[in-house]
């Protein structure tokens, strides 16, 4: 997310605000589709997300080609982890 927001050229605080808002919207989306978590976990998801966003914002390379390659690699990692998390959730749900 930091890479995508960085591409738009927003200032640091604007970027943090957008990232935080997107993380909150994601948590609301999860609740809307029935993925219920305890509220403490939802809050921690946002806090940890912002805590990861801040250093990433400053570590982003200035070369657009390198940035694009990193973006693709990270998207593959995130998609894989999301899929594995969803599979674990479905597995736990099946045994309840």
N, C-alpha and C. Protein backbone atom coordinates (compact mmCIF):
# COMPACT_ATOMS: atom_id res chain seq x y z
N UNK A 1 0.83 -1.18 0.00
CA UNK A 1 0.00 0.00 0.00
C UNK A 1 0.87 1.25 0.00
N UNK A 2 1.98 1.21 0.74
CA UNK A 2 2.86 2.38 0.78
C UNK A 2 3.40 2.70 -0.61
N UNK A 3 3.72 1.66 -1.37
CA UNK A 3 4.24 1.89 -2.72
C UNK A 3 3.22 2.58 -3.61
N UNK A 4 1.99 2.12 -3.53
CA UNK A 4 0.94 2.69 -4.38
C UNK A 4 0.66 4.14 -3.99
N UNK A 5 0.53 4.39 -2.69
CA UNK A 5 0.26 5.76 -2.22
C UNK A 5 1.45 6.66 -2.56
N UNK A 6 2.67 6.14 -2.42
CA UNK A 6 3.87 6.92 -2.73
C UNK A 6 3.89 7.36 -4.19
N UNK A 7 3.40 6.50 -5.08
CA UNK A 7 3.38 6.84 -6.51
C UNK A 7 2.55 8.08 -6.81
N UNK A 8 1.56 8.36 -5.97
CA UNK A 8 0.72 9.54 -6.18
C UNK A 8 1.38 10.82 -5.69
N UNK A 9 2.49 10.70 -4.96
CA UNK A 9 3.23 11.87 -4.52
C UNK A 9 2.64 12.61 -3.33
N UNK A 10 1.84 11.93 -2.54
CA UNK A 10 1.27 12.57 -1.35
C UNK A 10 2.33 12.80 -0.29
N UNK A 11 2.10 13.79 0.55
CA UNK A 11 3.00 14.05 1.67
C UNK A 11 2.91 12.89 2.67
N UNK A 12 3.85 12.85 3.60
CA UNK A 12 3.88 11.77 4.59
C UNK A 12 2.58 11.68 5.36
N UNK A 13 2.13 12.79 5.95
CA UNK A 13 0.92 12.74 6.79
C UNK A 13 -0.34 12.43 5.99
N UNK A 14 -0.40 12.93 4.78
CA UNK A 14 -1.53 12.59 3.92
C UNK A 14 -1.51 11.09 3.61
N UNK A 15 -0.33 10.56 3.33
CA UNK A 15 -0.19 9.13 3.05
C UNK A 15 -0.58 8.27 4.25
N UNK A 16 -0.14 8.66 5.43
CA UNK A 16 -0.50 7.91 6.65
C UNK A 16 -2.01 7.96 6.87
N UNK A 17 -2.61 9.12 6.64
CA UNK A 17 -4.06 9.25 6.81
C UNK A 17 -4.82 8.37 5.82
N UNK A 18 -4.39 8.37 4.55
CA UNK A 18 -5.05 7.53 3.55
C UNK A 18 -4.88 6.06 3.89
N UNK A 19 -3.68 5.66 4.27
CA UNK A 19 -3.42 4.26 4.62
C UNK A 19 -4.27 3.84 5.81
N UNK A 20 -4.34 4.67 6.83
CA UNK A 20 -5.14 4.36 8.02
C UNK A 20 -6.61 4.23 7.65
N UNK A 21 -7.10 5.14 6.84
CA UNK A 21 -8.49 5.09 6.41
C UNK A 21 -8.77 3.81 5.62
N UNK A 22 -7.87 3.44 4.72
CA UNK A 22 -8.05 2.21 3.95
C UNK A 22 -8.04 0.97 4.85
N UNK A 23 -7.19 0.97 5.86
CA UNK A 23 -7.15 -0.17 6.79
C UNK A 23 -8.44 -0.27 7.59
N UNK A 24 -8.98 0.85 8.01
CA UNK A 24 -10.25 0.85 8.75
C UNK A 24 -11.38 0.38 7.85
N UNK A 25 -11.40 0.88 6.61
CA UNK A 25 -12.42 0.44 5.66
C UNK A 25 -12.33 -1.06 5.43
N UNK A 26 -11.12 -1.59 5.34
CA UNK A 26 -10.94 -3.03 5.15
C UNK A 26 -11.52 -3.80 6.33
N UNK A 27 -11.28 -3.34 7.54
CA UNK A 27 -11.82 -4.01 8.73
C UNK A 27 -13.35 -3.97 8.72
N UNK A 28 -13.93 -2.86 8.28
CA UNK A 28 -15.39 -2.77 8.18
C UNK A 28 -15.92 -3.70 7.09
N UNK A 29 -15.17 -3.82 5.99
CA UNK A 29 -15.54 -4.73 4.92
C UNK A 29 -15.55 -6.18 5.43
N UNK A 30 -14.52 -6.55 6.19
CA UNK A 30 -14.47 -7.90 6.75
C UNK A 30 -15.71 -8.18 7.60
N UNK A 31 -16.10 -7.22 8.42
CA UNK A 31 -17.28 -7.39 9.27
C UNK A 31 -18.54 -7.49 8.41
N UNK A 32 -18.61 -6.69 7.35
CA UNK A 32 -19.80 -6.68 6.49
C UNK A 32 -20.01 -8.01 5.78
N UNK A 33 -18.91 -8.71 5.44
CA UNK A 33 -19.07 -9.99 4.75
C UNK A 33 -19.10 -11.17 5.70
N UNK A 34 -19.08 -10.87 7.00
CA UNK A 34 -19.26 -11.94 7.98
C UNK A 34 -17.99 -12.50 8.59
N UNK A 35 -16.85 -11.86 8.37
CA UNK A 35 -15.61 -12.31 9.01
C UNK A 35 -15.47 -11.56 10.32
N UNK A 36 -16.09 -12.11 11.35
CA UNK A 36 -16.10 -11.43 12.64
C UNK A 36 -14.83 -11.72 13.43
N UNK A 37 -14.25 -10.68 13.97
CA UNK A 37 -13.11 -10.77 14.86
C UNK A 37 -13.47 -9.99 16.12
N UNK A 38 -12.77 -10.29 17.18
CA UNK A 38 -12.97 -9.46 18.37
C UNK A 38 -12.44 -8.06 18.06
N UNK A 39 -13.02 -7.06 18.67
CA UNK A 39 -12.68 -5.69 18.32
C UNK A 39 -11.21 -5.38 18.60
N UNK A 40 -10.64 -6.02 19.64
CA UNK A 40 -9.23 -5.79 19.94
C UNK A 40 -8.33 -6.21 18.77
N UNK A 41 -8.70 -7.31 18.11
CA UNK A 41 -7.92 -7.78 16.96
C UNK A 41 -8.05 -6.80 15.79
N UNK A 42 -9.24 -6.26 15.60
CA UNK A 42 -9.43 -5.29 14.52
C UNK A 42 -8.59 -4.03 14.77
N UNK A 43 -8.58 -3.57 16.02
CA UNK A 43 -7.78 -2.40 16.37
C UNK A 43 -6.29 -2.69 16.15
N UNK A 44 -5.84 -3.87 16.58
CA UNK A 44 -4.43 -4.24 16.40
C UNK A 44 -4.07 -4.37 14.92
N UNK A 45 -5.01 -4.85 14.10
CA UNK A 45 -4.75 -4.94 12.66
C UNK A 45 -4.42 -3.55 12.10
N UNK A 46 -5.15 -2.55 12.53
CA UNK A 46 -4.93 -1.19 12.04
C UNK A 46 -3.62 -0.63 12.61
N UNK A 47 -3.39 -0.82 13.91
CA UNK A 47 -2.17 -0.30 14.54
C UNK A 47 -0.93 -0.93 13.92
N UNK A 48 -0.93 -2.25 13.76
CA UNK A 48 0.23 -2.93 13.18
C UNK A 48 0.39 -2.52 11.71
N UNK A 49 -0.73 -2.35 11.02
CA UNK A 49 -0.65 -1.90 9.63
C UNK A 49 0.00 -0.54 9.49
N UNK A 50 -0.40 0.40 10.35
CA UNK A 50 0.19 1.74 10.32
C UNK A 50 1.65 1.68 10.75
N UNK A 51 1.95 0.86 11.75
CA UNK A 51 3.33 0.71 12.21
C UNK A 51 4.22 0.13 11.11
N UNK A 52 3.69 -0.70 10.25
CA UNK A 52 4.45 -1.22 9.11
C UNK A 52 4.51 -0.24 7.95
N UNK A 53 3.46 0.56 7.81
CA UNK A 53 3.40 1.53 6.72
C UNK A 53 4.45 2.62 6.87
N UNK A 54 4.61 3.12 8.08
CA UNK A 54 5.50 4.27 8.31
C UNK A 54 6.94 3.98 7.87
N UNK A 55 7.58 2.90 8.33
CA UNK A 55 8.95 2.68 7.85
C UNK A 55 9.00 2.35 6.35
N UNK A 56 7.99 1.67 5.85
CA UNK A 56 7.97 1.34 4.42
C UNK A 56 7.94 2.61 3.58
N UNK A 57 7.21 3.61 4.04
CA UNK A 57 7.13 4.88 3.31
C UNK A 57 8.51 5.49 3.11
N UNK A 58 9.36 5.38 4.13
CA UNK A 58 10.69 5.97 4.05
C UNK A 58 11.71 5.07 3.37
N UNK A 59 11.41 3.80 3.22
CA UNK A 59 12.35 2.86 2.60
C UNK A 59 12.08 2.62 1.12
N UNK A 60 11.07 3.28 0.58
CA UNK A 60 10.69 3.07 -0.82
C UNK A 60 11.80 3.60 -1.73
N UNK A 61 12.23 2.78 -2.69
CA UNK A 61 13.29 3.25 -3.60
C UNK A 61 12.75 4.30 -4.57
N UNK A 62 13.64 5.16 -5.06
CA UNK A 62 13.20 6.21 -5.98
C UNK A 62 13.10 5.72 -7.42
N UNK A 63 13.75 4.61 -7.74
CA UNK A 63 13.70 4.05 -9.10
C UNK A 63 12.35 3.38 -9.32
N UNK A 64 11.59 3.86 -10.29
CA UNK A 64 10.24 3.35 -10.54
C UNK A 64 10.23 1.88 -10.95
N UNK A 65 11.24 1.43 -11.68
CA UNK A 65 11.29 0.02 -12.10
C UNK A 65 11.48 -0.88 -10.89
N UNK A 66 12.40 -0.52 -10.02
CA UNK A 66 12.62 -1.30 -8.79
C UNK A 66 11.35 -1.28 -7.94
N UNK A 67 10.71 -0.11 -7.85
CA UNK A 67 9.49 0.01 -7.08
C UNK A 67 8.40 -0.91 -7.63
N UNK A 68 8.27 -0.98 -8.94
CA UNK A 68 7.26 -1.83 -9.56
C UNK A 68 7.56 -3.31 -9.29
N UNK A 69 8.81 -3.71 -9.39
CA UNK A 69 9.18 -5.11 -9.12
C UNK A 69 8.88 -5.46 -7.67
N UNK A 70 9.21 -4.57 -6.74
CA UNK A 70 8.93 -4.80 -5.32
C UNK A 70 7.42 -4.90 -5.11
N UNK A 71 6.66 -4.03 -5.78
CA UNK A 71 5.21 -4.05 -5.66
C UNK A 71 4.64 -5.40 -6.10
N UNK A 72 5.10 -5.92 -7.22
CA UNK A 72 4.61 -7.21 -7.72
C UNK A 72 4.96 -8.33 -6.74
N UNK A 73 6.20 -8.33 -6.26
CA UNK A 73 6.62 -9.36 -5.30
C UNK A 73 5.75 -9.30 -4.04
N UNK A 74 5.53 -8.09 -3.52
CA UNK A 74 4.72 -7.95 -2.31
C UNK A 74 3.27 -8.35 -2.55
N UNK A 75 2.73 -8.02 -3.72
CA UNK A 75 1.36 -8.42 -4.02
C UNK A 75 1.21 -9.94 -4.06
N UNK A 76 2.20 -10.63 -4.60
CA UNK A 76 2.17 -12.10 -4.63
C UNK A 76 2.24 -12.64 -3.20
N UNK A 77 3.11 -12.08 -2.38
CA UNK A 77 3.23 -12.53 -0.99
C UNK A 77 1.93 -12.28 -0.23
N UNK A 78 1.37 -11.09 -0.35
CA UNK A 78 0.13 -10.76 0.36
C UNK A 78 -1.02 -11.65 -0.11
N UNK A 79 -1.14 -11.85 -1.42
CA UNK A 79 -2.21 -12.70 -1.95
C UNK A 79 -2.06 -14.13 -1.42
N UNK A 80 -0.85 -14.64 -1.38
CA UNK A 80 -0.61 -15.99 -0.87
C UNK A 80 -0.97 -16.09 0.60
N UNK A 81 -0.53 -15.14 1.39
CA UNK A 81 -0.83 -15.16 2.83
C UNK A 81 -2.33 -14.98 3.09
N UNK A 82 -2.98 -14.12 2.32
CA UNK A 82 -4.43 -13.96 2.46
C UNK A 82 -5.15 -15.26 2.14
N UNK A 83 -4.73 -15.92 1.08
CA UNK A 83 -5.35 -17.19 0.70
C UNK A 83 -5.14 -18.24 1.79
N UNK A 84 -3.94 -18.34 2.31
CA UNK A 84 -3.67 -19.31 3.37
C UNK A 84 -4.47 -19.00 4.63
N UNK A 85 -4.60 -17.73 4.95
CA UNK A 85 -5.41 -17.33 6.10
C UNK A 85 -6.87 -17.66 5.90
N UNK A 86 -7.36 -17.44 4.69
CA UNK A 86 -8.75 -17.77 4.39
C UNK A 86 -8.98 -19.28 4.48
N UNK A 87 -8.03 -20.05 3.97
CA UNK A 87 -8.14 -21.52 4.05
C UNK A 87 -8.17 -21.97 5.50
N UNK A 88 -7.32 -21.40 6.35
CA UNK A 88 -7.31 -21.75 7.78
C UNK A 88 -8.64 -21.38 8.43
N UNK A 89 -9.17 -20.22 8.06
CA UNK A 89 -10.46 -19.78 8.59
C UNK A 89 -11.56 -20.76 8.19
N UNK A 90 -11.60 -21.14 6.93
CA UNK A 90 -12.61 -22.09 6.46
C UNK A 90 -12.46 -23.45 7.14
N UNK A 91 -11.23 -23.85 7.37
CA UNK A 91 -10.97 -25.12 8.04
C UNK A 91 -11.49 -25.09 9.48
N UNK A 92 -11.21 -23.99 10.19
CA UNK A 92 -11.70 -23.85 11.57
C UNK A 92 -13.22 -23.77 11.60
N UNK A 93 -13.80 -23.06 10.64
CA UNK A 93 -15.25 -22.90 10.58
C UNK A 93 -15.93 -24.26 10.34
N UNK A 94 -15.31 -25.12 9.56
CA UNK A 94 -15.88 -26.43 9.25
C UNK A 94 -15.94 -27.33 10.47
N UNK A 95 -15.07 -27.10 11.44
CA UNK A 95 -15.04 -27.96 12.63
C UNK A 95 -15.78 -27.37 13.82
N UNK A 96 -16.50 -26.28 13.63
CA UNK A 96 -17.27 -25.70 14.74
C UNK A 96 -18.64 -26.31 14.81
